[in-house]
Amino acid sequence: MLELVSPTRIDFVVVMVSGLHPGGREALPYRVRLEDPAAGEVIRVGRIEELDADGAADLVRQFPNRELTGFTEVRVVDALGRVVLAGSVDQSAG
């Protein structure tokens, strides 16, 4: 996942997943969320409605009215509420 945070531009998120089971229709849709562990906040990035034959998909979302600083954890959750992918986002400069 790529998260771009800027004090002067619109923040946005690019999520690229792969290796998910493309035949597992019961798992769709996948929901992607960002978490700010320090503040205990969770925001929705979006939904992945379908996967390609390799179990991959991309999701892009802009947050024009939301500051994403502090949202350093990403979770991909299936339709049954199970976390299928998780990771951290490094927001350090340069």
C-alpha atoms as a PDB file:
ATOM      1  CA  MET A   1       0.000   0.000   0.000  1.00  0.00           C
ATOM      2  CA  LEU A   2       1.100   3.523  -0.746  1.00  0.00           C
ATOM      3  CA  GLU A   3      -0.185   6.383   1.361  1.00  0.00           C
ATOM      4  CA  LEU A   4       0.723   9.934   0.342  1.00  0.00           C
ATOM      5  CA  VAL A   5       0.320  12.561   3.037  1.00  0.00           C
ATOM      6  CA  SER A   6       1.033  16.223   2.364  1.00  0.00           C
ATOM      7  CA  PRO A   7       0.339  19.460   4.219  1.00  0.00           C
ATOM      8  CA  THR A   8      -0.412  21.246   0.928  1.00  0.00           C
ATOM      9  CA  ARG A   9      -2.004  18.607  -1.324  1.00  0.00           C
ATOM     10  CA  ILE A  10      -4.891  16.153  -1.125  1.00  0.00           C
ATOM     11  CA  ASP A  11      -3.944  12.974   0.734  1.00  0.00           C
ATOM     12  CA  PHE A  12      -4.578   9.719  -1.096  1.00  0.00           C
ATOM     13  CA  VAL A  13      -4.149   5.982  -0.777  1.00  0.00           C
ATOM     14  CA  VAL A  14      -3.225   3.349  -3.365  1.00  0.00           C
ATOM     15  CA  VAL A  15      -3.823  -0.259  -2.311  1.00  0.00           C
ATOM     16  CA  MET A  16      -2.571  -3.178  -4.410  1.00  0.00           C
ATOM     17  CA  VAL A  17      -3.419  -6.674  -3.203  1.00  0.00           C
ATOM     18  CA  SER A  18      -2.365 -10.016  -4.621  1.00  0.00           C
ATOM     19  CA  GLY A  19      -2.466 -13.656  -3.673  1.00  0.00           C
ATOM     20  CA  LEU A  20      -6.070 -13.625  -2.541  1.00  0.00           C
ATOM     21  CA  HIS A  21      -8.171 -16.607  -3.569  1.00  0.00           C
ATOM     22  CA  PRO A  22      -9.913 -15.536  -6.824  1.00  0.00           C
ATOM     23  CA  GLY A  23     -12.438 -18.393  -6.656  1.00  0.00           C
ATOM     24  CA  GLY A  24     -13.561 -17.573  -3.139  1.00  0.00           C
ATOM     25  CA  ARG A  25     -16.718 -15.645  -4.015  1.00  0.00           C
ATOM     26  CA  GLU A  26     -17.968 -15.926  -0.425  1.00  0.00           C
ATOM     27  CA  ALA A  27     -15.049 -13.722   0.640  1.00  0.00           C
ATOM     28  CA  LEU A  28     -16.130 -10.827  -1.623  1.00  0.00           C
ATOM     29  CA  PRO A  29     -16.320  -7.945  -1.220  1.00  0.00           C
ATOM     30  CA  TYR A  30     -13.070  -7.238   0.586  1.00  0.00           C
ATOM     31  CA  ARG A  31     -13.070  -4.047   2.636  1.00  0.00           C
ATOM     32  CA  VAL A  32      -9.922  -1.956   3.076  1.00  0.00           C
ATOM     33  CA  ARG A  33      -9.467   0.235   6.115  1.00  0.00           C
ATOM     34  CA  LEU A  34      -6.796   2.454   7.634  1.00  0.00           C
ATOM     35  CA  GLU A  35      -6.206   2.604  11.360  1.00  0.00           C
ATOM     36  CA  ASP A  36      -4.620   5.238  13.574  1.00  0.00           C
ATOM     37  CA  PRO A  37      -3.489   3.153  16.566  1.00  0.00           C
ATOM     38  CA  ALA A  38      -2.617   6.153  18.744  1.00  0.00           C
ATOM     39  CA  ALA A  39      -6.028   7.791  18.338  1.00  0.00           C
ATOM     40  CA  GLY A  40      -8.033   4.564  18.032  1.00  0.00           C
ATOM     41  CA  GLU A  41      -9.582   5.776  14.766  1.00  0.00           C
ATOM     42  CA  VAL A  42     -10.532   3.681  11.744  1.00  0.00           C
ATOM     43  CA  ILE A  43     -11.486   5.005   8.304  1.00  0.00           C
ATOM     44  CA  ARG A  44     -12.746   3.080   5.307  1.00  0.00           C
ATOM     45  CA  VAL A  45     -10.683   3.254   2.150  1.00  0.00           C
ATOM     46  CA  GLY A  46     -13.095   1.274  -0.002  1.00  0.00           C
ATOM     47  CA  ARG A  47     -14.269  -2.101  -1.244  1.00  0.00           C
ATOM     48  CA  ILE A  48     -12.717  -4.599  -3.611  1.00  0.00           C
ATOM     49  CA  GLU A  49     -15.595  -6.151  -5.535  1.00  0.00           C
ATOM     50  CA  GLU A  50     -13.627  -8.513  -7.772  1.00  0.00           C
ATOM     51  CA  LEU A  51     -10.186 -10.058  -8.225  1.00  0.00           C
ATOM     52  CA  ASP A  52      -8.319 -10.971 -11.384  1.00  0.00           C
ATOM     53  CA  ALA A  53      -7.316 -14.573 -12.134  1.00  0.00           C
ATOM     54  CA  ASP A  54      -4.187 -14.157  -9.963  1.00  0.00           C
ATOM     55  CA  GLY A  55      -6.152 -12.902  -6.955  1.00  0.00           C
ATOM     56  CA  ALA A  56      -5.050  -9.304  -7.424  1.00  0.00           C
ATOM     57  CA  ALA A  57      -6.838  -5.954  -7.422  1.00  0.00           C
ATOM     58  CA  ASP A  58      -6.063  -2.238  -7.075  1.00  0.00           C
ATOM     59  CA  LEU A  59      -7.926   0.427  -5.162  1.00  0.00           C
ATOM     60  CA  VAL A  60      -7.270   4.192  -5.215  1.00  0.00           C
ATOM     61  CA  ARG A  61      -9.008   6.798  -3.081  1.00  0.00           C
ATOM     62  CA  GLN A  62      -8.433  10.491  -2.455  1.00  0.00           C
ATOM     63  CA  PHE A  63      -9.233  12.075   0.892  1.00  0.00           C
ATOM     64  CA  PRO A  64      -9.754  15.768   0.060  1.00  0.00           C
ATOM     65  CA  ASN A  65     -11.196  16.645   3.479  1.00  0.00           C
ATOM     66  CA  ARG A  66      -9.244  14.282   5.689  1.00  0.00           C
ATOM     67  CA  GLU A  67      -5.721  14.421   7.091  1.00  0.00           C
ATOM     68  CA  LEU A  68      -4.205  10.916   7.018  1.00  0.00           C
ATOM     69  CA  THR A  69      -1.227  11.589   9.263  1.00  0.00           C
ATOM     70  CA  GLY A  70      -1.196   8.937  11.990  1.00  0.00           C
ATOM     71  CA  PHE A  71      -3.048   6.303   9.971  1.00  0.00           C
ATOM     72  CA  THR A  72      -0.198   3.821   9.873  1.00  0.00           C
ATOM     73  CA  GLU A  73      -1.990   0.458   9.816  1.00  0.00           C
ATOM     74  CA  VAL A  74      -3.873  -1.050   6.899  1.00  0.00           C
ATOM     75  CA  ARG A  75      -6.251  -4.014   7.064  1.00  0.00           C
ATOM     76  CA  VAL A  76      -8.025  -5.922   4.293  1.00  0.00           C
ATOM     77  CA  VAL A  77     -11.058  -7.740   5.650  1.00  0.00           C
ATOM     78  CA  ASP A  78     -13.210 -10.293   3.813  1.00  0.00           C
ATOM     79  CA  ALA A  79     -17.022 -10.377   3.730  1.00  0.00           C
ATOM     80  CA  LEU A  80     -17.044 -12.588   6.831  1.00  0.00           C
ATOM     81  CA  GLY A  81     -15.024 -10.046   8.818  1.00  0.00           C
ATOM     82  CA  ARG A  82     -11.736 -11.971   8.751  1.00  0.00           C
ATOM     83  CA  VAL A  83      -8.508  -9.997   8.324  1.00  0.00           C
ATOM     84  CA  VAL A  84      -6.845 -11.471   5.208  1.00  0.00           C
ATOM     85  CA  LEU A  85      -4.013  -8.953   4.776  1.00  0.00           C
ATOM     86  CA  ALA A  86      -2.476  -6.473   7.215  1.00  0.00           C
ATOM     87  CA  GLY A  87       0.510  -4.208   7.271  1.00  0.00           C
ATOM     88  CA  SER A  88       2.076  -0.954   8.394  1.00  0.00           C
ATOM     89  CA  VAL A  89       2.618   2.277   6.501  1.00  0.00           C
ATOM     90  CA  ASP A  90       5.817   4.261   7.058  1.00  0.00           C
ATOM     91  CA  GLN A  91       4.991   7.974   7.085  1.00  0.00           C
ATOM     92  CA  SER A  92       8.518   9.182   7.716  1.00  0.00           C
ATOM     93  CA  ALA A  93       9.882  11.751   5.294  1.00  0.00           C
ATOM     94  CA  GLY A  94      12.315  10.862   2.579  1.00  0.00           C
END
